[in-house]
């Protein structure tokens, strides 16, 4: 566990702006009436942060409770009940559940580290609500602008147009002046530790140069695309996706994302009657010939087209499989550079069509795996969305050996730019994959 200084003096320094310091101190002491007064007087105050420590009112409420005692009841007693009321009030005031401090901890991370289970659950629930709301909002089309109103009169005249241009120039001049004044007087703002972190998109990854470096696959920015330490997780995944079956023929398998070929090697050991692999990266496809899944493997197909490496993005390839009427007993999904929206599209729109009765679907569950609270949030979000798609979810806890995974740039992460998995096994509540039946 990190050795952080959680003392009030360290988290709310005397250098903090007076208004922010006042707010944080009332949050720390769980003074609900004072918090309500301050939040009513200063809209947006619920999300303010100390410019040095990044402490938010939510962090302060949690830290003010201190570490949970081992013998303490699960709900934490009166102190935690006071904290719960303050956290709820801050949420009402617009507090952001996953803002990070200078240790890169969200309030939920702090609650987990201090053993404050009841408070931690509040942050997970807030995260689930936010993610479900964002997902819902993204499904709506943009409303037409006022200028697209069919009833609007056409042709405003040259004079009106000139006046509009003059008014716009005046507005821009006033806005520029206001920006200059704000820049001159604005207080220092907290900059999160990962503010400069680059997010890799799928398109950027597919255009990058990859390197196979023994026990890891890296892109040209040294991001870990796939690594050998994942093998144990994938072994557990295969065991769950392919339970013992009395069927006389081998299982029908679809894998999205070849990478290092780890899970495909495990699948192949079960003598599948059909084994299709979708891979989009040109560098990985070039490497396939050096593995057991090259042309000779395809030539050994028990039936024409039964063993196939299908090049291209799954978004382009899967519709052709659907059109062919392909069915599978096991489907596994492990892509790189795609966000949860892509995974959701796959298991809600395509898995119900491709998966045969009693078949199983799984994916490498790295959703938010560099932060436990985000991991727990996504576990619930996946379950809700899967249920909406008519799929049942069974979670299995998988212990992860963190002995080589605990430190950036060392152990398994040597030569890798950043860790994409940081969860200690004792915090590993959700599993590393899920099955949908």
Foldseek 3Di string as FASTA:
>chain_A
DDDDDLDPCVQQPPPFPPLLSVQLVCLLVLVQVVNLVSLVVDQPQQAAAGQAFRDGSLLSNLSSLAAQDPPAPLCRPDSSVSSVSNVVVSVVSPHDQARATQVRGGSLLSCVVSVNNNSNVVSLVVLLVVVVVVVVVVPDDDDDDPVPDPPDDPDPDPVVVVVVVVVVVVVVVVVVVVVVVCVVPPDRHHQHPCNVPDQFAPVNQLPFPWDDDPQFIATPVQATQDGNLCLVQLLVVCCVQCPDDPDPAFFAEEEEACGVVRNVVVSVVRVHLAYEYEHERPNVVVCCCVDPLDPVVQVPRPDNNRRYYHYHHCVVVQVVCLVVQAAGQEYEYRGPNDAVVVVLCCLQPRCVSHYDVNGKYKYQQLQVQQGLSRSSSVVVNVCVSNVVSVWHKDWDADARPCPQPADDCGRSNPSHPDDSHHDHRVSRPTHRMMIID
